[in-house]
Amino acid sequence: MEGLATSAFLSLSVLYLMISYVRSELSVEDCLALGYNRATLVCSSCDLLEKFELTSLKTDCLQCCKAEDPGPVENPVKKYPKARLEVQAFVKSDRPGKFPNLQVKYMGGQMPQIRLIDADGNEETLSITKWDTDTIVEFLQTHLESPPEPERDDENRSDNEI
């Protein structure tokens, strides 16, 4: 009977440790290194990973997310004027051309990452190791500012534009 009690105690202890590990939170730096922004990542987004067969990312996502706040949004998504995508091999398509303020730099021997550059030239680097092309495009649409429209001279306008 004593062996059964010890076994049950050990089993419950292991279960508790597993639950504690899964529910633990990673530091802001650890989350950024994994490609997650703790300030903006809501836990409901982590549930969507299964839809795209990315369940391997869910554990880290849940450790970096915050519960949704039903209140007003005080901190909108931070937008950057420029970004540089550093990849070892990038899917050759027309997608990078849709972002004029995105520079693609092919880097050998390093994991893919994106460097977000603010107006002062400060850089924030995120790992995008397990991101697919659609995820990268969605991220850029969310976090990259639209480039300013070029100004046109009045002389170059057609009569239809006046």
Protein backbone atom coordinates (compact mmCIF):
# COMPACT_ATOMS: atom_id res chain seq x y z
CA MET A 1 0.00 0.00 0.00
CA GLU A 2 2.90 2.33 0.79
CA GLY A 3 4.36 1.79 -2.70
CA LEU A 4 1.02 2.71 -4.27
CA ALA A 5 0.84 5.94 -2.27
CA THR A 6 4.41 6.84 -3.23
CA SER A 7 3.69 6.08 -6.88
CA ALA A 8 0.54 8.21 -6.83
CA PHE A 9 2.43 11.07 -5.14
CA LEU A 10 5.20 10.93 -7.74
CA SER A 11 2.67 10.84 -10.58
CA LEU A 12 0.85 13.87 -9.22
CA SER A 13 4.15 15.70 -8.69
CA VAL A 14 5.21 15.07 -12.27
CA LEU A 15 1.79 16.17 -13.55
CA TYR A 16 2.01 19.37 -11.50
CA LEU A 17 5.49 20.14 -12.84
CA MET A 18 4.32 19.56 -16.42
CA ILE A 19 1.33 21.88 -15.97
CA SER A 20 3.53 24.50 -14.29
CA TYR A 21 6.01 24.32 -17.17
CA VAL A 22 3.33 24.70 -19.85
CA ARG A 23 1.70 27.61 -18.04
CA SER A 24 4.97 29.38 -17.24
CA GLU A 25 5.82 32.58 -19.02
CA LEU A 26 8.97 33.36 -20.95
CA SER A 27 10.81 36.65 -20.57
CA VAL A 28 10.23 39.47 -23.04
CA GLU A 29 13.68 38.83 -24.53
CA ASP A 30 13.03 35.08 -24.86
CA CYS A 31 9.72 35.77 -26.60
CA LEU A 32 11.31 38.26 -29.01
CA ALA A 33 14.01 35.72 -29.83
CA LEU A 34 11.24 33.25 -30.72
CA GLY A 35 9.49 35.86 -32.88
CA TYR A 36 6.72 36.80 -30.44
CA ASN A 37 5.94 40.27 -29.11
CA ARG A 38 4.54 39.88 -25.57
CA ALA A 39 3.10 43.40 -25.67
CA THR A 40 0.76 42.62 -28.56
CA LEU A 41 0.35 38.82 -28.64
CA VAL A 42 -3.08 37.73 -27.39
CA CYS A 43 -3.63 34.11 -26.39
CA SER A 44 -6.52 33.64 -28.82
CA SER A 45 -3.97 34.03 -31.64
CA CYS A 46 -2.12 30.97 -30.33
CA ASP A 47 -5.27 28.89 -30.80
CA LEU A 48 -5.22 29.76 -34.52
CA LEU A 49 -1.87 28.01 -34.99
CA GLU A 50 -3.58 24.61 -35.09
CA LYS A 51 -5.65 25.79 -38.05
CA PHE A 52 -2.43 26.22 -40.03
CA GLU A 53 -0.88 22.97 -38.75
CA LEU A 54 1.63 24.88 -36.62
CA THR A 55 0.92 23.13 -33.32
CA SER A 56 4.65 22.90 -32.61
CA LEU A 57 4.64 26.69 -32.06
CA LYS A 58 1.66 26.73 -29.69
CA THR A 59 3.52 25.98 -26.43
CA ASP A 60 5.94 28.88 -26.89
CA CYS A 61 3.10 31.10 -28.10
CA LEU A 62 1.08 30.40 -24.94
CA GLN A 63 4.10 31.26 -22.80
CA CYS A 64 4.43 34.64 -24.50
CA CYS A 65 0.79 35.72 -24.86
CA LYS A 66 -1.47 37.78 -22.67
CA ALA A 67 -5.18 37.32 -22.05
CA GLU A 68 -7.37 39.51 -24.18
CA ASP A 69 -8.41 42.78 -22.60
CA PRO A 70 -12.01 43.64 -23.43
CA GLY A 71 -11.29 47.33 -22.72
CA PRO A 72 -10.36 49.99 -25.29
CA VAL A 73 -7.15 49.54 -27.21
CA GLU A 74 -4.65 51.98 -25.74
CA ASN A 75 -1.50 50.69 -27.44
CA PRO A 76 -2.11 50.16 -31.14
CA VAL A 77 0.25 47.94 -33.10
CA LYS A 78 3.62 49.61 -33.49
CA LYS A 79 4.38 50.48 -37.11
CA TYR A 80 7.91 50.75 -38.50
CA PRO A 81 8.98 52.88 -41.46
CA LYS A 82 11.48 50.27 -42.68
CA ALA A 83 12.38 46.59 -42.32
CA ARG A 84 15.14 44.26 -43.48
CA LEU A 85 14.33 40.57 -43.93
CA GLU A 86 17.42 38.42 -43.45
CA VAL A 87 16.98 34.90 -44.77
CA GLN A 88 19.12 32.02 -45.90
CA ALA A 89 16.71 31.04 -48.68
CA PHE A 90 13.62 33.07 -49.52
CA VAL A 91 10.72 31.86 -51.63
CA LYS A 92 11.24 33.51 -55.00
CA SER A 93 8.05 35.34 -55.75
CA ASP A 94 6.74 38.82 -56.35
CA ARG A 95 5.76 39.27 -52.69
CA PRO A 96 8.88 41.17 -51.52
CA GLY A 97 8.22 43.69 -54.31
CA LYS A 98 4.89 44.58 -52.69
CA PHE A 99 6.80 46.19 -49.82
CA PRO A 100 9.00 49.00 -51.22
CA ASN A 101 10.42 49.75 -47.77
CA LEU A 102 11.52 46.11 -47.26
CA GLN A 103 15.08 45.11 -48.01
CA VAL A 104 15.76 41.37 -48.46
CA LYS A 105 19.26 40.30 -47.51
CA TYR A 106 20.41 36.73 -48.13
CA MET A 107 22.43 35.52 -45.13
CA GLY A 108 24.35 32.26 -45.18
CA GLY A 109 24.76 30.22 -42.01
CA GLN A 110 22.20 32.04 -39.89
CA MET A 111 18.57 31.43 -39.05
CA PRO A 112 16.03 33.71 -40.79
CA GLN A 113 15.16 36.87 -38.95
CA ILE A 114 13.54 40.21 -39.54
CA ARG A 115 14.99 43.49 -38.36
CA LEU A 116 12.46 46.25 -37.78
CA ILE A 117 13.98 49.71 -38.02
CA ASP A 118 12.29 52.71 -36.43
CA ALA A 119 12.51 56.30 -37.65
CA ASP A 120 15.61 56.92 -35.48
CA GLY A 121 17.45 53.92 -36.96
CA ASN A 122 17.03 51.72 -33.86
CA GLU A 123 16.60 48.04 -34.74
CA GLU A 124 14.44 45.34 -33.20
CA THR A 125 15.28 41.80 -34.35
CA LEU A 126 12.77 38.93 -34.41
CA SER A 127 13.36 35.29 -35.28
CA ILE A 128 11.13 34.03 -38.09
CA THR A 129 12.59 30.53 -38.22
CA LYS A 130 9.30 28.62 -38.52
CA TRP A 131 7.27 31.26 -40.34
CA ASP A 132 5.84 30.49 -43.75
CA THR A 133 5.63 33.06 -46.54
CA ASP A 134 2.00 33.97 -45.80
CA THR A 135 2.84 34.61 -42.14
CA ILE A 136 5.72 36.89 -43.14
CA VAL A 137 3.47 38.81 -45.55
CA GLU A 138 0.76 39.22 -42.88
CA PHE A 139 3.35 40.39 -40.34
CA LEU A 140 4.75 42.96 -42.78
CA GLN A 141 1.26 44.22 -43.63
CA THR A 142 0.61 44.69 -39.91
CA HIS A 143 3.92 46.14 -38.75
CA LEU A 144 5.41 47.95 -41.75
CA GLU A 145 4.28 51.48 -42.55
CA SER A 146 3.03 52.21 -46.03
CA PRO A 147 5.65 54.21 -47.92
CA PRO A 148 4.75 57.86 -48.55
CA GLU A 149 3.09 58.58 -51.87
CA PRO A 150 5.34 60.49 -54.28
CA GLU A 151 4.25 64.08 -54.84
CA ARG A 152 3.09 64.96 -58.34
CA ASP A 153 3.41 68.28 -60.11
CA ASP A 154 0.20 69.97 -61.22
CA GLU A 155 1.65 70.11 -64.75
CA ASN A 156 1.75 66.31 -64.96
CA ARG A 157 -1.94 65.88 -64.13
CA SER A 158 -4.37 65.03 -66.86
CA ASP A 159 -7.61 66.98 -67.27
CA ASN A 160 -9.52 64.06 -65.71
CA GLU A 161 -7.68 64.44 -62.39
CA ILE A 162 -8.61 68.08 -61.78
